[in-house]
Amino acid sequence: MDKKDLEKAFANNNGVLKTSQLAALKIDSTGIKRLIKNGVIEKIKTGYYRFLSDDTGEAAIIARLFPDGVLWLNTALFYYGYSDRTPMQWDIIISKNASRSRFKIDYPHINPFFVTPERLSYGVTTIEIDSCIMNIFDRDRLICECLKYEADMDKETFNKAVQAYLTDPKKNIRSLLAYAKRRKATKRVHDVIGVWL
């Protein structure tokens, strides 16, 4: 298989191919090793590879490896424009039933947070990042989570996020209160958000 065809195969799969997909293209383990040695592909983690000369962004890799994950905290704040700090890692919330070994990858940097599946059953929407559709908490659920995990956040980032949310015409205070009730954060919402309303 020539390099152009191989590049096309990667492009058709969000820039990431599994060993089994490479095998289907008649590239065995020896061929994979040779492609890595020649700088054509790079191993992301066991069984997953990306094409090196393309510009496969981190978002494409995340979308392909963690379709069941949801962006939250610093990553989600950045993509909603609630924070101007480019995250150094991807904050992903995921079911505690998911295999933890999936997160042992060299690139990109992932910060997984494991929760009960029920916690992922509401307030999830999608966003397009670098032409990839990814799961993300909606604005109201995100701010609710920030209020729950305020102690784990940088104070300046937290304060900016709350202020940005309050001025966001797409916010829905009714949804925020409904999420707060489910997350047992109603008092926190009233203490922090209520004073501005």
Protein backbone atom coordinates (compact mmCIF):
# COMPACT_ATOMS: atom_id res chain seq x y z
CA MET A 1 0.00 0.00 0.00
CA ASP A 2 1.42 3.38 -0.94
CA LYS A 3 1.71 6.28 1.48
CA LYS A 4 -1.12 8.31 -0.12
CA ASP A 5 -3.60 5.43 0.25
CA LEU A 6 -2.49 4.86 3.81
CA GLU A 7 -2.92 8.56 4.61
CA LYS A 8 -6.43 8.42 3.12
CA ALA A 9 -7.31 5.40 5.29
CA PHE A 10 -6.22 7.30 8.40
CA ALA A 11 -8.11 10.42 7.28
CA ASN A 12 -11.30 8.37 6.89
CA ASN A 13 -11.01 7.28 10.54
CA ASN A 14 -10.47 10.62 12.31
CA GLY A 15 -6.70 10.22 11.87
CA VAL A 16 -6.46 7.11 14.05
CA LEU A 17 -6.32 3.43 13.07
CA LYS A 18 -6.35 0.31 15.21
CA THR A 19 -4.04 -2.67 14.66
CA SER A 20 -7.00 -4.66 13.31
CA GLN A 21 -7.77 -1.93 10.77
CA LEU A 22 -4.15 -1.87 9.65
CA ALA A 23 -4.27 -5.68 9.36
CA ALA A 24 -7.34 -5.35 7.12
CA LEU A 25 -5.17 -3.11 4.91
CA LYS A 26 -2.64 -5.98 4.71
CA ILE A 27 -0.18 -4.32 7.11
CA ASP A 28 1.05 -6.84 9.67
CA SER A 29 3.05 -6.21 12.85
CA THR A 30 6.32 -6.17 10.89
CA GLY A 31 4.86 -3.60 8.51
CA ILE A 32 3.64 -1.50 11.44
CA LYS A 33 7.11 -1.55 13.02
CA ARG A 34 8.64 -0.52 9.71
CA LEU A 35 6.16 2.37 9.31
CA ILE A 36 6.96 3.59 12.84
CA LYS A 37 10.71 3.30 12.21
CA ASN A 38 10.37 5.25 8.96
CA GLY A 39 8.40 8.00 10.69
CA VAL A 40 5.20 7.39 8.73
CA ILE A 41 2.98 6.49 11.68
CA GLU A 42 3.22 6.88 15.45
CA LYS A 43 1.92 4.62 18.20
CA ILE A 44 -0.51 6.52 20.44
CA LYS A 45 -1.13 3.58 22.78
CA THR A 46 -1.25 -0.20 22.46
CA GLY A 47 -3.20 -1.01 19.33
CA TYR A 48 -3.75 2.60 18.18
CA TYR A 49 -1.72 4.59 15.65
CA ARG A 50 -1.82 7.99 13.99
CA PHE A 51 -0.43 9.11 10.64
CA LEU A 52 2.52 11.42 11.28
CA SER A 53 2.58 13.71 8.28
CA ASP A 54 -1.03 14.71 8.72
CA ASP A 55 -2.25 17.29 11.18
CA THR A 56 -4.36 14.94 13.24
CA GLY A 57 -5.35 17.19 16.08
CA GLU A 58 -5.73 16.13 19.66
CA ALA A 59 -9.51 16.44 19.37
CA ALA A 60 -9.63 13.77 16.65
CA ILE A 61 -7.62 11.38 18.80
CA ILE A 62 -9.78 12.03 21.87
CA ALA A 63 -13.01 11.63 19.87
CA ARG A 64 -11.80 8.32 18.45
CA LEU A 65 -10.37 6.82 21.65
CA PHE A 66 -12.99 8.06 24.11
CA PRO A 67 -16.36 8.37 22.34
CA ASP A 68 -18.04 7.62 25.68
CA GLY A 69 -16.21 10.40 27.54
CA VAL A 70 -17.61 13.85 28.27
CA LEU A 71 -15.54 17.04 28.33
CA TRP A 72 -15.84 18.97 31.58
CA LEU A 73 -14.17 21.42 33.97
CA ASN A 74 -11.18 23.30 32.45
CA THR A 75 -11.48 21.77 28.97
CA ALA A 76 -15.21 22.48 28.70
CA LEU A 77 -14.80 25.98 30.18
CA PHE A 78 -12.22 26.78 27.50
CA TYR A 79 -14.39 25.55 24.61
CA TYR A 80 -17.42 27.50 25.87
CA GLY A 81 -15.26 30.61 26.10
CA TYR A 82 -15.67 30.75 29.89
CA SER A 83 -11.90 30.54 30.31
CA ASP A 84 -9.07 31.98 28.22
CA ARG A 85 -6.53 29.51 29.60
CA THR A 86 -5.66 26.82 27.07
CA PRO A 87 -5.87 23.56 29.03
CA MET A 88 -2.62 21.59 29.34
CA GLN A 89 -4.64 18.36 29.41
CA TRP A 90 -8.07 17.10 28.41
CA ASP A 91 -10.47 16.89 31.38
CA ILE A 92 -12.75 13.94 30.59
CA ILE A 93 -15.47 12.55 32.82
CA ILE A 94 -16.30 8.91 32.11
CA SER A 95 -18.14 5.93 33.55
CA LYS A 96 -16.34 4.17 36.40
CA ASN A 97 -17.11 0.96 34.49
CA ALA A 98 -14.78 2.03 31.66
CA SER A 99 -11.40 0.33 31.47
CA ARG A 100 -8.77 2.51 33.13
CA SER A 101 -6.02 1.09 30.95
CA ARG A 102 -7.54 2.98 28.00
CA PHE A 103 -6.14 6.17 29.51
CA LYS A 104 -2.54 5.00 29.54
CA ILE A 105 -1.50 6.96 26.48
CA ASP A 106 1.47 9.19 25.83
CA TYR A 107 -0.35 11.74 23.70
CA PRO A 108 -2.51 13.70 24.13
CA HIS A 109 -2.50 14.31 27.90
CA ILE A 110 -5.72 13.08 29.50
CA ASN A 111 -7.10 13.79 32.97
CA PRO A 112 -9.89 11.20 33.41
CA PHE A 113 -12.45 11.41 36.20
CA PHE A 114 -14.51 8.28 36.86
CA VAL A 115 -18.15 8.51 37.99
CA THR A 116 -21.29 6.38 38.14
CA PRO A 117 -23.03 5.96 34.77
CA GLU A 118 -26.05 7.79 36.24
CA ARG A 119 -23.97 10.98 36.56
CA LEU A 120 -23.40 10.87 32.80
CA SER A 121 -27.07 10.38 31.96
CA TYR A 122 -28.09 14.04 31.97
CA GLY A 123 -26.83 17.45 30.90
CA VAL A 124 -24.68 16.05 28.07
CA THR A 125 -24.67 17.70 24.67
CA THR A 126 -22.20 17.80 21.77
CA ILE A 127 -19.76 20.37 20.44
CA GLU A 128 -17.67 20.51 17.29
CA ILE A 129 -13.94 20.91 17.92
CA ASP A 130 -11.55 20.83 14.95
CA SER A 131 -14.24 19.15 12.80
CA CYS A 132 -14.86 16.43 15.42
CA ILE A 133 -18.13 15.99 17.28
CA MET A 134 -17.42 15.50 20.99
CA ASN A 135 -19.56 15.04 24.10
CA ILE A 136 -19.55 17.95 26.55
CA PHE A 137 -21.65 18.97 29.52
CA ASP A 138 -24.08 21.72 28.60
CA ARG A 139 -23.36 25.18 30.06
CA ASP A 140 -25.68 24.82 33.03
CA ARG A 141 -24.47 21.36 34.03
CA LEU A 142 -20.86 22.50 33.60
CA ILE A 143 -21.30 25.42 36.01
CA CYS A 144 -23.07 23.10 38.45
CA GLU A 145 -20.03 20.76 38.30
CA CYS A 146 -17.69 23.73 38.80
CA LEU A 147 -19.63 24.66 41.94
CA LYS A 148 -19.31 21.07 43.19
CA TYR A 149 -15.57 20.92 42.47
CA GLU A 150 -14.64 24.52 43.21
CA ALA A 151 -12.00 23.39 45.73
CA ASP A 152 -10.17 21.52 42.95
CA MET A 153 -10.14 24.50 40.61
CA ASP A 154 -7.89 27.52 40.27
CA LYS A 155 -9.73 30.38 42.03
CA GLU A 156 -9.27 32.86 39.18
CA THR A 157 -10.51 30.31 36.61
CA PHE A 158 -13.55 29.54 38.78
CA ASN A 159 -14.47 33.22 39.26
CA LYS A 160 -14.06 34.00 35.54
CA ALA A 161 -16.19 30.99 34.62
CA VAL A 162 -19.04 32.06 36.91
CA GLN A 163 -18.94 35.64 35.59
CA ALA A 164 -18.84 34.44 31.95
CA TYR A 165 -21.79 32.12 32.60
CA LEU A 166 -23.84 34.91 34.17
CA THR A 167 -23.40 37.09 31.07
CA ASP A 168 -24.03 34.20 28.63
CA PRO A 169 -27.39 34.69 26.85
CA LYS A 170 -27.56 30.89 26.36
CA LYS A 171 -27.57 30.13 30.09
CA ASN A 172 -30.70 28.54 31.55
CA ILE A 173 -31.05 29.17 35.29
CA ARG A 174 -33.98 26.74 35.50
CA SER A 175 -31.77 23.95 34.13
CA LEU A 176 -28.94 24.97 36.46
CA LEU A 177 -31.27 24.66 39.46
CA ALA A 178 -32.57 21.28 38.25
CA TYR A 179 -28.99 20.00 37.91
CA ALA A 180 -28.07 21.49 41.28
CA LYS A 181 -30.91 19.56 42.90
CA ARG A 182 -29.68 16.28 41.38
CA ARG A 183 -26.08 17.04 42.35
CA LYS A 184 -27.00 18.23 45.87
CA ALA A 185 -25.53 21.66 45.14
CA THR A 186 -28.64 23.84 45.48
CA LYS A 187 -27.27 25.83 48.44
CA ARG A 188 -23.99 26.42 46.61
CA VAL A 189 -25.84 27.68 43.53
CA HIS A 190 -27.89 30.10 45.65
CA ASP A 191 -24.78 31.28 47.53
CA VAL A 192 -22.63 31.88 44.45
CA ILE A 193 -25.03 32.51 41.56
CA GLY A 194 -28.07 33.80 43.46
CA VAL A 195 -26.37 37.02 44.55
CA TRP A 196 -25.97 38.03 40.88
CA LEU A 197 -29.52 37.29 39.77
